[in-house]
């Protein structure tokens, strides 16, 4: 380990997804990914698409490479769009743009949205987006790289794949002016082949903890400062760690949503902000019901300095704590982010979510209220299963004439029980 802590990583009794030669592993106590040695690639368990809307495929266990945005020159039926592993001139710049060197073809993975579908005009069939994802399996220098690009290139040409318009996805207002790229690992939780991070430990249940640990970078960034924009809507770029949990017995009992997400902002950049210490709205966390995920409850917030906690801005309830680097606002290299959530803090999040859904103050939420949303075993740590882990990048660019991009990568991801 890179630093000594008072904790011992709970990686005993690991059940390997693949053979021991691969760097990703899964047990009841931990999911771990180091480098880019992904058995998902070798087993062909990777689904990739732009604007995916096929739940049967998207929700299956495996690795997902997903892009979201507006496909210029394509009709409204263009969904589950194709991707290609060639054609984008950006691939050759992957090391510079993402901090992760490009692997030789056939020795890793690479994906970029393509216009080669019957739902797009022939004029864009040969186009491959500037936005891309790639994987390098090298155990030392490898990892997952993501490059998210919006606006015109140096010649003035804009990719067919762009941010959603100001009217949002399908003109619903959802994700207005946003383009995103995500790599998500979904687990076979129905067969219990996943992590139960709060189920283990000798501590009092409320003191049991799960830790989220990543090693990430942002290699290149531009908010289009060189061009005067014609919009007052802020330009923003983000890099995020996203992790979803589901209460198994709740799902079996009710078939309701029974799940929620943690969204940790590892890096945030916004035009016009140079001193983030003075930005009050970014200092605390909160919960929102994401319309882009059919109302999925999302616990989100910044990552504070080591030893500090993040509270819900309205109720003051503690959501999680930081034991590593804080949210970054400049380019950076191989920073270690560590966030911990105790079971008591998990219950705080469930209380806030229930309050929002029932439109009641958090201090008036009862155990019966929580049971109505998350089932009779909402407070049983063995019933909360890790559903998915993902890394994502989003750009909010309301001005198509401005070039805005973000390139970064991840070398390690861990979600594990903290064993004292």
Protein backbone atom coordinates (compact mmCIF):
# COMPACT_ATOMS: atom_id res chain seq x y z
CA UNK A 1 0.00 0.00 0.00
CA UNK A 2 1.11 3.57 -0.65
CA UNK A 3 0.38 4.75 2.86
CA UNK A 4 0.12 3.18 6.30
CA UNK A 5 -3.33 3.36 7.89
CA UNK A 6 -5.00 1.95 10.94
CA UNK A 7 -7.11 -0.22 8.69
CA UNK A 8 -6.42 -3.58 7.11
CA UNK A 9 -8.02 -4.01 3.72
CA UNK A 10 -10.68 -6.71 3.81
CA UNK A 11 -9.47 -8.67 0.83
CA UNK A 12 -9.34 -12.14 2.36
CA UNK A 13 -11.32 -14.95 0.75
CA UNK A 14 -11.34 -13.11 -2.59
CA UNK A 15 -13.42 -14.65 -5.32
CA UNK A 16 -11.65 -13.83 -8.59
CA UNK A 17 -13.69 -12.91 -11.60
CA UNK A 18 -10.93 -14.39 -13.74
CA UNK A 19 -7.66 -16.15 -13.05
CA UNK A 20 -5.10 -14.66 -10.69
CA UNK A 21 -3.28 -13.08 -13.62
CA UNK A 22 -5.97 -10.44 -13.93
CA UNK A 23 -5.97 -7.31 -11.83
CA UNK A 24 -9.69 -7.14 -11.15
CA UNK A 25 -11.26 -9.16 -8.36
CA UNK A 26 -14.53 -9.48 -6.53
CA UNK A 27 -15.51 -10.94 -3.16
CA UNK A 28 -18.22 -10.42 -0.57
CA UNK A 29 -15.92 -7.80 0.97
CA UNK A 30 -14.26 -6.04 -1.96
CA UNK A 31 -14.25 -5.06 -5.62
CA UNK A 32 -10.77 -4.18 -6.83
CA UNK A 33 -9.43 -3.02 -10.17
CA UNK A 34 -5.78 -2.16 -10.78
CA UNK A 35 -4.44 -1.11 -14.13
CA UNK A 36 -6.37 -2.12 -17.23
CA UNK A 37 -6.13 -5.91 -17.11
CA UNK A 38 -9.84 -6.55 -17.57
CA UNK A 39 -11.13 -10.07 -17.95
CA UNK A 40 -14.35 -8.48 -19.20
CA UNK A 41 -12.50 -7.76 -22.43
CA UNK A 42 -11.21 -11.29 -22.80
CA UNK A 43 -14.62 -12.79 -22.04
CA UNK A 44 -16.29 -10.34 -24.43
CA UNK A 45 -18.51 -9.00 -21.65
CA UNK A 46 -18.34 -5.38 -22.79
CA UNK A 47 -21.38 -3.52 -24.05
CA UNK A 48 -20.73 -0.20 -25.77
CA UNK A 49 -23.16 2.28 -27.31
CA UNK A 50 -24.19 5.91 -27.49
CA UNK A 51 -27.57 6.95 -26.09
CA UNK A 52 -28.31 3.43 -24.96
CA UNK A 53 -31.93 2.70 -24.06
CA UNK A 54 -32.03 -1.10 -23.98
CA UNK A 55 -32.49 -2.01 -20.27
CA UNK A 56 -32.18 -5.74 -20.90
CA UNK A 57 -28.62 -5.21 -22.15
CA UNK A 58 -27.54 -2.21 -20.11
CA UNK A 59 -28.56 -3.78 -16.80
CA UNK A 60 -26.89 -7.13 -17.42
CA UNK A 61 -23.70 -7.86 -15.44
CA UNK A 62 -20.53 -6.84 -17.25
CA UNK A 63 -18.58 -3.80 -18.38
CA UNK A 64 -20.43 -0.93 -20.04
CA UNK A 65 -18.86 1.83 -22.15
CA UNK A 66 -21.55 4.45 -22.63
CA UNK A 67 -21.70 7.82 -24.34
CA UNK A 68 -24.53 10.35 -24.03
CA UNK A 69 -25.21 13.38 -26.19
CA UNK A 70 -26.91 14.65 -29.34
CA UNK A 71 -26.15 12.96 -32.64
CA UNK A 72 -26.28 15.67 -35.31
CA UNK A 73 -27.59 14.32 -38.61
CA UNK A 74 -29.41 11.44 -36.91
CA UNK A 75 -33.15 11.07 -36.37
CA UNK A 76 -35.01 10.69 -33.07
CA UNK A 77 -34.94 6.87 -33.35
CA UNK A 78 -31.15 6.81 -33.17
CA UNK A 79 -30.57 4.85 -29.96
CA UNK A 80 -28.03 2.23 -28.94
CA UNK A 81 -25.74 3.88 -31.49
CA UNK A 82 -22.66 2.07 -32.78
CA UNK A 83 -19.09 2.65 -31.66
CA UNK A 84 -15.84 2.02 -33.53
CA UNK A 85 -12.29 1.28 -32.44
CA UNK A 86 -10.75 3.17 -35.36
CA UNK A 87 -11.24 6.35 -37.33
CA UNK A 88 -10.81 8.93 -34.60
CA UNK A 89 -7.58 10.90 -34.96
CA UNK A 90 -7.73 11.45 -31.19
CA UNK A 91 -6.82 7.83 -30.46
CA UNK A 92 -3.20 8.44 -31.43
CA UNK A 93 -3.05 11.24 -28.84
CA UNK A 94 -4.49 9.12 -26.04
CA UNK A 95 -1.42 9.28 -23.78
CA UNK A 96 -1.28 13.07 -23.92
CA UNK A 97 -5.05 13.52 -23.69
CA UNK A 98 -5.92 11.02 -20.94
CA UNK A 99 -2.64 10.25 -19.17
CA UNK A 100 -3.06 6.58 -20.14
CA UNK A 101 -0.92 5.35 -23.07
CA UNK A 102 -2.78 3.83 -26.01
CA UNK A 103 -2.37 0.05 -26.20
CA UNK A 104 -1.58 -1.67 -29.46
CA UNK A 105 -4.69 -2.64 -31.37
CA UNK A 106 -5.94 -6.00 -30.11
CA UNK A 107 -4.08 -5.65 -26.80
CA UNK A 108 -6.55 -3.38 -25.05
CA UNK A 109 -9.78 -1.67 -25.95
CA UNK A 110 -10.91 1.55 -27.61
CA UNK A 111 -14.36 2.97 -28.28
CA UNK A 112 -15.73 6.14 -29.93
CA UNK A 113 -19.30 6.96 -31.11
CA UNK A 114 -19.87 6.37 -34.81
CA UNK A 115 -22.52 7.74 -37.17
CA UNK A 116 -22.60 4.49 -39.14
CA UNK A 117 -26.25 3.59 -38.58
CA UNK A 118 -29.40 3.65 -40.70
CA UNK A 119 -30.85 6.25 -38.33
CA UNK A 120 -28.15 8.76 -39.36
CA UNK A 121 -27.72 10.56 -42.65
CA UNK A 122 -25.16 9.13 -45.06
CA UNK A 123 -23.15 12.33 -44.69
CA UNK A 124 -22.13 11.30 -41.14
CA UNK A 125 -21.80 7.52 -41.66
CA UNK A 126 -18.01 7.82 -41.88
CA UNK A 127 -17.70 10.11 -38.87
CA UNK A 128 -16.22 8.99 -35.57
CA UNK A 129 -16.56 11.26 -32.55
CA UNK A 130 -13.70 13.10 -30.88
CA UNK A 131 -14.95 11.74 -27.53
CA UNK A 132 -13.54 8.30 -26.73
CA UNK A 133 -12.69 5.69 -24.09
CA UNK A 134 -9.71 3.36 -24.16
CA UNK A 135 -8.13 0.65 -22.00
CA UNK A 136 -4.45 -0.21 -21.68
CA UNK A 137 -3.72 -3.55 -19.95
CA UNK A 138 -0.16 -2.70 -18.96
CA UNK A 139 0.12 -3.55 -15.20
CA UNK A 140 2.28 -0.48 -14.46
CA UNK A 141 1.29 2.27 -16.90
CA UNK A 142 -2.15 0.97 -17.87
CA UNK A 143 -5.66 1.90 -16.87
CA UNK A 144 -8.84 3.35 -18.32
CA UNK A 145 -8.68 6.64 -20.22
CA UNK A 146 -11.65 8.90 -21.00
CA UNK A 147 -11.60 11.92 -23.30
CA UNK A 148 -14.72 14.08 -23.56
CA UNK A 149 -14.70 16.73 -26.29
CA UNK A 150 -17.22 19.38 -27.34
CA UNK A 151 -17.18 22.22 -29.84
CA UNK A 152 -15.27 22.73 -33.11
CA UNK A 153 -11.78 21.38 -33.74
CA UNK A 154 -8.84 23.44 -35.00
CA UNK A 155 -10.26 23.40 -38.54
CA UNK A 156 -13.70 24.57 -37.40
CA UNK A 157 -15.33 21.16 -37.87
CA UNK A 158 -17.60 19.83 -35.10
CA UNK A 159 -18.17 16.13 -34.53
CA UNK A 160 -21.58 14.65 -35.31
CA UNK A 161 -21.69 13.68 -31.61
CA UNK A 162 -22.28 16.74 -29.43
CA UNK A 163 -23.86 17.86 -26.16
CA UNK A 164 -27.62 17.65 -25.93
CA UNK A 165 -29.26 20.91 -26.99
CA UNK A 166 -30.44 23.53 -24.52
CA UNK A 167 -33.80 21.76 -24.67
CA UNK A 168 -32.21 18.61 -23.32
CA UNK A 169 -32.57 14.93 -24.15
CA UNK A 170 -35.59 14.39 -26.39
CA UNK A 171 -36.44 18.06 -25.72
CA UNK A 172 -37.50 17.17 -22.16
CA UNK A 173 -35.05 19.53 -20.47
CA UNK A 174 -33.14 16.58 -18.99
CA UNK A 175 -29.33 16.83 -19.28
CA UNK A 176 -29.55 20.08 -21.24
CA UNK A 177 -26.24 21.07 -22.91
CA UNK A 178 -24.49 17.97 -21.49
CA UNK A 179 -22.27 15.38 -23.15
CA UNK A 180 -20.89 12.47 -21.16
CA UNK A 181 -18.73 9.36 -21.32
CA UNK A 182 -18.86 6.58 -18.73
CA UNK A 183 -17.28 3.22 -17.92
CA UNK A 184 -19.46 1.17 -15.59
CA UNK A 185 -19.00 -2.26 -14.03
CA UNK A 186 -22.28 -3.99 -13.15
CA UNK A 187 -22.35 -7.02 -10.88
CA UNK A 188 -24.55 -10.11 -10.72
CA UNK A 189 -26.21 -9.06 -7.46
CA UNK A 190 -29.26 -11.28 -7.98
CA UNK A 191 -26.95 -14.28 -7.65
CA UNK A 192 -25.18 -12.48 -4.79
CA UNK A 193 -21.91 -12.39 -6.77
CA UNK A 194 -21.10 -8.96 -5.43
CA UNK A 195 -19.86 -7.01 -2.43
CA UNK A 196 -21.81 -6.67 0.84
CA UNK A 197 -19.51 -4.04 2.31
CA UNK A 198 -21.36 -3.32 5.56
CA UNK A 199 -22.11 -6.99 6.35
CA UNK A 200 -18.68 -7.74 7.83
CA UNK A 201 -16.98 -6.44 10.95
CA UNK A 202 -16.74 -6.82 14.69
CA UNK A 203 -17.85 -3.25 15.38
CA UNK A 204 -21.29 -2.07 16.35
CA UNK A 205 -23.31 -2.16 13.13
CA UNK A 206 -23.60 1.62 12.78
CA UNK A 207 -19.79 1.93 12.97
CA UNK A 208 -19.06 -0.48 10.11
CA UNK A 209 -17.60 1.30 7.11
CA UNK A 210 -17.17 0.92 3.38
CA UNK A 211 -14.28 2.66 1.64
CA UNK A 212 -14.18 3.94 -1.94
CA UNK A 213 -10.62 4.35 -3.17
CA UNK A 214 -9.43 5.45 -6.60
CA UNK A 215 -6.23 6.59 -8.28
CA UNK A 216 -7.18 9.08 -10.99
CA UNK A 217 -5.80 11.88 -13.11
CA UNK A 218 -6.85 14.75 -15.34
CA UNK A 219 -4.25 15.15 -18.07
CA UNK A 220 -5.81 17.87 -20.19
CA UNK A 221 -8.55 20.45 -19.80
CA UNK A 222 -10.05 23.46 -21.55
CA UNK A 223 -13.11 25.51 -20.68
CA UNK A 224 -12.87 27.53 -23.87
CA UNK A 225 -11.50 30.65 -22.19
CA UNK A 226 -9.85 31.73 -25.43
CA UNK A 227 -13.26 32.45 -27.01
CA UNK A 228 -15.91 34.87 -25.73
CA UNK A 229 -19.10 32.92 -25.19
CA UNK A 230 -22.54 34.27 -25.98
CA UNK A 231 -24.28 32.56 -23.08
CA UNK A 232 -24.60 33.36 -19.39
CA UNK A 233 -25.10 29.66 -18.66
CA UNK A 234 -21.84 28.44 -17.06
CA UNK A 235 -19.48 26.06 -18.82
CA UNK A 236 -18.50 23.16 -16.60
CA UNK A 237 -16.52 19.92 -16.78
CA UNK A 238 -16.57 17.12 -14.19
CA UNK A 239 -14.90 13.82 -13.42
CA UNK A 240 -16.82 11.51 -11.10
CA UNK A 241 -16.79 8.21 -9.23
CA UNK A 242 -20.26 6.66 -9.19
CA UNK A 243 -21.33 3.68 -7.09
CA UNK A 244 -24.81 2.14 -6.81
CA UNK A 245 -26.28 -0.04 -4.06
CA UNK A 246 -29.47 -2.06 -3.89
CA UNK A 247 -31.39 -3.60 -0.99
CA UNK A 248 -31.92 -7.17 -2.11
CA UNK A 249 -34.85 -8.08 0.15
CA UNK A 250 -36.60 -4.82 -0.74
CA UNK A 251 -36.42 -5.72 -4.42
CA UNK A 252 -37.66 -9.27 -3.79
CA UNK A 253 -40.52 -8.00 -1.63
CA UNK A 254 -41.69 -5.00 -3.63
CA UNK A 255 -40.01 -4.95 -7.07
CA UNK A 256 -39.60 -1.21 -6.49
CA UNK A 257 -36.47 0.79 -7.22
CA UNK A 258 -34.88 -0.11 -3.85
CA UNK A 259 -31.56 1.44 -4.88
CA UNK A 260 -29.57 4.65 -4.85
CA UNK A 261 -26.20 6.04 -5.94
CA UNK A 262 -23.22 7.78 -4.44
CA UNK A 263 -21.70 10.34 -6.83
CA UNK A 264 -18.33 11.66 -5.69
CA UNK A 265 -16.96 14.64 -7.63
CA UNK A 266 -13.25 13.90 -7.93
CA UNK A 267 -12.68 16.91 -10.21
CA UNK A 268 -14.85 19.92 -11.06
CA UNK A 269 -14.06 22.89 -13.31
CA UNK A 270 -16.37 25.83 -14.01
CA UNK A 271 -15.86 28.98 -16.05
CA UNK A 272 -15.47 32.09 -13.94
CA UNK A 273 -14.45 30.30 -10.73
CA UNK A 274 -10.84 30.50 -9.61
CA UNK A 275 -11.24 30.31 -5.82
CA UNK A 276 -13.36 27.28 -4.97
CA UNK A 277 -12.98 27.89 -1.22
CA UNK A 278 -15.38 30.80 -1.66
CA UNK A 279 -18.05 28.78 -3.50
CA UNK A 280 -20.66 28.11 -0.84
CA UNK A 281 -22.89 25.81 -2.91
CA UNK A 282 -19.98 23.40 -3.42
CA UNK A 283 -18.99 23.04 0.22
CA UNK A 284 -21.70 20.58 1.26
CA UNK A 285 -23.49 17.60 -0.24
CA UNK A 286 -27.08 16.67 -0.85
CA UNK A 287 -29.53 14.31 -2.48
CA UNK A 288 -31.35 14.73 -5.77
CA UNK A 289 -33.74 12.54 -7.72
CA UNK A 290 -32.09 12.20 -11.14
CA UNK A 291 -34.65 12.62 -13.94
CA UNK A 292 -32.10 11.19 -16.37
CA UNK A 293 -32.26 7.90 -14.43
CA UNK A 294 -36.04 7.83 -13.92
CA UNK A 295 -35.84 9.46 -10.52
CA UNK A 296 -32.90 7.50 -9.13
CA UNK A 297 -31.91 8.96 -5.74
CA UNK A 298 -28.34 10.24 -5.92
CA UNK A 299 -26.19 11.23 -2.94
CA UNK A 300 -23.70 13.74 -4.30
CA UNK A 301 -21.15 16.18 -3.09
CA UNK A 302 -17.54 17.34 -3.08
CA UNK A 303 -14.63 15.51 -1.52
CA UNK A 304 -13.15 17.57 1.28
CA UNK A 305 -9.66 17.56 2.73
CA UNK A 306 -8.38 14.51 4.59
CA UNK A 307 -10.24 13.99 7.86
CA UNK A 308 -13.21 16.22 6.99
CA UNK A 309 -16.84 15.14 6.62
CA UNK A 310 -19.44 16.09 4.03
CA UNK A 311 -22.88 17.02 5.35
CA UNK A 312 -26.24 17.35 3.68
CA UNK A 313 -26.69 21.07 3.09
CA UNK A 314 -30.30 21.12 4.28
CA UNK A 315 -30.51 18.67 7.20
CA UNK A 316 -26.91 18.80 8.41
CA UNK A 317 -26.75 14.98 8.50
CA UNK A 318 -23.30 13.55 7.74
CA UNK A 319 -23.11 11.72 4.40
CA UNK A 320 -19.46 10.59 4.14
CA UNK A 321 -15.90 11.48 5.07
CA UNK A 322 -12.63 11.99 3.21
CA UNK A 323 -9.35 10.23 3.99
CA UNK A 324 -7.47 11.19 0.84
CA UNK A 325 -7.18 14.00 -1.68
CA UNK A 326 -9.93 16.62 -1.99
CA UNK A 327 -11.85 17.43 -5.16
CA UNK A 328 -9.42 18.82 -7.74
CA UNK A 329 -9.84 22.02 -9.76
CA UNK A 330 -6.64 21.88 -11.82
CA UNK A 331 -4.97 19.19 -13.89
CA UNK A 332 -3.40 16.50 -11.70
CA UNK A 333 -1.54 13.22 -11.85
CA UNK A 334 -2.30 9.97 -9.98
CA UNK A 335 -4.12 11.46 -6.99
CA UNK A 336 -5.49 9.01 -4.41
CA UNK A 337 -9.09 9.67 -3.40
CA UNK A 338 -10.49 7.84 -0.36
CA UNK A 339 -14.06 8.25 0.85
CA UNK A 340 -15.63 6.31 3.72
CA UNK A 341 -19.30 5.77 4.55
CA UNK A 342 -20.31 4.26 7.88
CA UNK A 343 -23.56 2.35 8.17
CA UNK A 344 -24.90 5.19 10.30
CA UNK A 345 -24.12 7.58 7.44
CA UNK A 346 -25.79 5.21 4.99
CA UNK A 347 -28.93 5.43 7.16
CA UNK A 348 -28.63 9.23 7.08
CA UNK A 349 -28.72 9.09 3.28
CA UNK A 350 -31.73 6.76 3.32
CA UNK A 351 -33.51 9.14 5.69
CA UNK A 352 -32.91 12.14 3.41
CA UNK A 353 -34.00 10.17 0.33
CA UNK A 354 -37.18 9.00 2.08
CA UNK A 355 -37.91 12.57 3.19
CA UNK A 356 -37.65 13.80 -0.39
CA UNK A 357 -39.85 11.03 -1.75
CA UNK A 358 -42.49 11.47 0.96
CA UNK A 359 -42.11 15.28 1.05
CA UNK A 360 -41.53 15.36 4.77
CA UNK A 361 -38.74 16.93 6.87
CA UNK A 362 -35.89 14.47 7.58
CA UNK A 363 -36.37 14.83 11.35
CA UNK A 364 -39.93 13.53 10.98
CA UNK A 365 -39.01 10.34 9.11
CA UNK A 366 -39.89 7.16 11.02
CA UNK A 367 -38.75 3.58 10.68
CA UNK A 368 -42.11 2.82 9.05
CA UNK A 369 -41.47 5.55 6.47
CA UNK A 370 -38.07 4.04 5.64
CA UNK A 371 -39.63 0.58 5.35
CA UNK A 372 -42.19 1.93 2.87
CA UNK A 373 -39.39 2.99 0.53
CA UNK A 374 -36.55 0.52 1.15
CA UNK A 375 -38.36 -2.53 2.55
CA UNK A 376 -38.63 -4.11 5.98
CA UNK A 377 -34.89 -4.83 6.11
CA UNK A 378 -33.73 -1.35 5.20
CA UNK A 379 -31.50 -1.29 8.30
CA UNK A 380 -29.95 -4.74 7.76
CA UNK A 381 -26.33 -4.26 6.57
CA UNK A 382 -26.24 -7.71 4.95
CA UNK A 383 -29.03 -6.68 2.56
CA UNK A 384 -27.19 -3.75 0.97
CA UNK A 385 -25.35 -5.06 -2.10
CA UNK A 386 -22.97 -3.30 -4.48
CA UNK A 387 -24.81 -3.02 -7.78
CA UNK A 388 -22.29 -1.11 -9.91
CA UNK A 389 -19.15 1.02 -9.89
CA UNK A 390 -18.29 3.53 -12.58
CA UNK A 391 -16.05 6.38 -13.65
CA UNK A 392 -17.55 9.17 -15.70
CA UNK A 393 -16.87 12.54 -17.27
CA UNK A 394 -19.47 15.16 -18.14
CA UNK A 395 -19.22 18.47 -19.92
CA UNK A 396 -21.89 21.15 -19.75
CA UNK A 397 -21.34 23.34 -22.80
CA UNK A 398 -24.25 25.56 -23.85
CA UNK A 399 -22.30 27.27 -26.66
CA UNK A 400 -21.51 25.07 -29.67
CA UNK A 401 -18.93 27.58 -30.91
CA UNK A 402 -16.74 27.09 -27.84
CA UNK A 403 -14.24 24.24 -27.60
CA UNK A 404 -14.47 22.54 -24.18
CA UNK A 405 -12.80 19.24 -23.34
CA UNK A 406 -11.66 17.08 -20.44
CA UNK A 407 -9.27 14.14 -20.58
CA UNK A 408 -8.37 11.87 -17.69
CA UNK A 409 -7.93 8.35 -16.51
CA UNK A 410 -8.23 5.91 -13.65
CA UNK A 411 -5.54 3.41 -12.63
CA UNK A 412 -7.18 1.88 -9.56
CA UNK A 413 -10.69 1.45 -8.20
CA UNK A 414 -11.61 -0.24 -4.93
CA UNK A 415 -14.84 -0.57 -3.00
CA UNK A 416 -14.27 -2.61 0.16
CA UNK A 417 -15.22 -3.29 3.73
CA UNK A 418 -13.01 -1.59 6.31
CA UNK A 419 -11.80 -4.20 8.75
CA UNK A 420 -10.20 -2.86 11.94
